[in-house]
Amino acid sequence: MLKEDIAFIDDLGGTVSVAKACEITKGAVSQWRKNGIPKAQLKFLSLKFPIQYQQIYGDIELAEKSATESSGSPKPD
């Protein structure tokens, strides 16, 4: 999902814009480009920018994304 996270940051206006929206440093957002957006911040951004979130992540649910990242594989149904 790192590719999607980077695209989401870019779609929101880049590192500085996302840092301002989240009230955090540019350095923190820069780390997201390397490590992925943390779950809590992704949830916040998905609620604040739902259209952009949907455009980048499509039908991927936040919970599914988090489960995949934490376990390394999708959860079975």
Protein backbone atom coordinates (compact mmCIF):
# COMPACT_ATOMS: atom_id res chain seq x y z
CA MET A 1 0.00 0.00 0.00
CA LEU A 2 3.00 2.31 0.12
CA LYS A 3 2.43 3.30 -3.50
CA GLU A 4 -1.15 4.32 -2.69
CA ASP A 5 -0.05 6.19 0.44
CA ILE A 6 2.42 8.25 -1.57
CA ALA A 7 -0.21 8.94 -4.24
CA PHE A 8 -2.68 10.01 -1.51
CA ILE A 9 -0.17 12.45 -0.01
CA ASP A 10 0.52 13.86 -3.47
CA ASP A 11 -3.20 14.09 -4.28
CA LEU A 12 -3.77 16.08 -1.09
CA GLY A 13 -1.23 18.67 -2.18
CA GLY A 14 2.02 17.16 -1.00
CA THR A 15 3.98 16.89 2.19
CA VAL A 16 3.45 20.46 3.41
CA SER A 17 -0.31 20.42 2.82
CA VAL A 18 -0.77 17.10 4.60
CA ALA A 19 1.41 18.26 7.50
CA LYS A 20 -0.77 21.35 7.91
CA ALA A 21 -3.99 19.32 7.70
CA CYS A 22 -2.74 16.95 10.42
CA GLU A 23 -1.00 19.68 12.44
CA ILE A 24 2.29 17.81 12.40
CA THR A 25 5.76 18.44 11.01
CA LYS A 26 6.79 18.05 7.38
CA GLY A 27 9.38 15.56 8.58
CA ALA A 28 6.69 13.28 9.97
CA VAL A 29 4.84 13.24 6.66
CA SER A 30 8.12 12.62 4.84
CA GLN A 31 8.55 9.48 6.94
CA TRP A 32 5.09 8.33 5.80
CA ARG A 33 6.40 8.36 2.24
CA LYS A 34 9.01 5.79 3.34
CA ASN A 35 7.05 3.77 5.92
CA GLY A 36 3.40 4.27 4.95
CA ILE A 37 0.72 6.41 6.58
CA PRO A 38 0.00 5.28 10.16
CA LYS A 39 -3.47 3.84 10.73
CA ALA A 40 -4.79 6.67 12.93
CA GLN A 41 -3.63 9.38 10.55
CA LEU A 42 -4.98 7.52 7.53
CA LYS A 43 -8.36 7.26 9.23
CA PHE A 44 -8.30 11.00 9.98
CA LEU A 45 -7.34 11.86 6.39
CA SER A 46 -9.95 9.47 4.95
CA LEU A 47 -12.66 11.28 6.91
CA LYS A 48 -11.34 14.76 6.12
CA PHE A 49 -10.78 14.02 2.41
CA PRO A 50 -13.20 11.20 1.49
CA ILE A 51 -13.26 11.87 -2.25
CA GLN A 52 -9.49 11.79 -2.60
CA TYR A 53 -9.30 8.72 -0.36
CA GLN A 54 -11.81 6.88 -2.53
CA GLN A 55 -9.98 7.88 -5.72
CA ILE A 56 -6.69 6.46 -4.47
CA TYR A 57 -7.75 3.45 -2.42
CA GLY A 58 -10.97 2.59 -4.24
CA ASP A 59 -12.99 -0.06 -2.44
CA ILE A 60 -10.26 -0.93 0.04
CA GLU A 61 -11.66 -0.56 3.53
CA LEU A 62 -9.40 1.03 6.12
CA ALA A 63 -9.81 -1.96 8.43
CA GLU A 64 -8.77 -4.37 5.67
CA LYS A 65 -5.73 -2.22 4.86
CA SER A 66 -4.68 -2.17 8.50
CA ALA A 67 -5.15 -5.92 8.93
CA THR A 68 -3.08 -6.61 5.83
CA GLU A 69 -0.25 -4.37 6.97
CA SER A 70 -0.13 -5.73 10.49
CA SER A 71 -0.27 -9.42 9.57
CA GLY A 72 1.44 -9.29 6.21
CA SER A 73 -1.46 -11.02 4.48
CA PRO A 74 -5.21 -10.48 4.08
CA LYS A 75 -7.50 -11.84 6.76
CA PRO A 76 -9.64 -14.80 5.64
CA ASP A 77 -13.42 -14.35 5.54
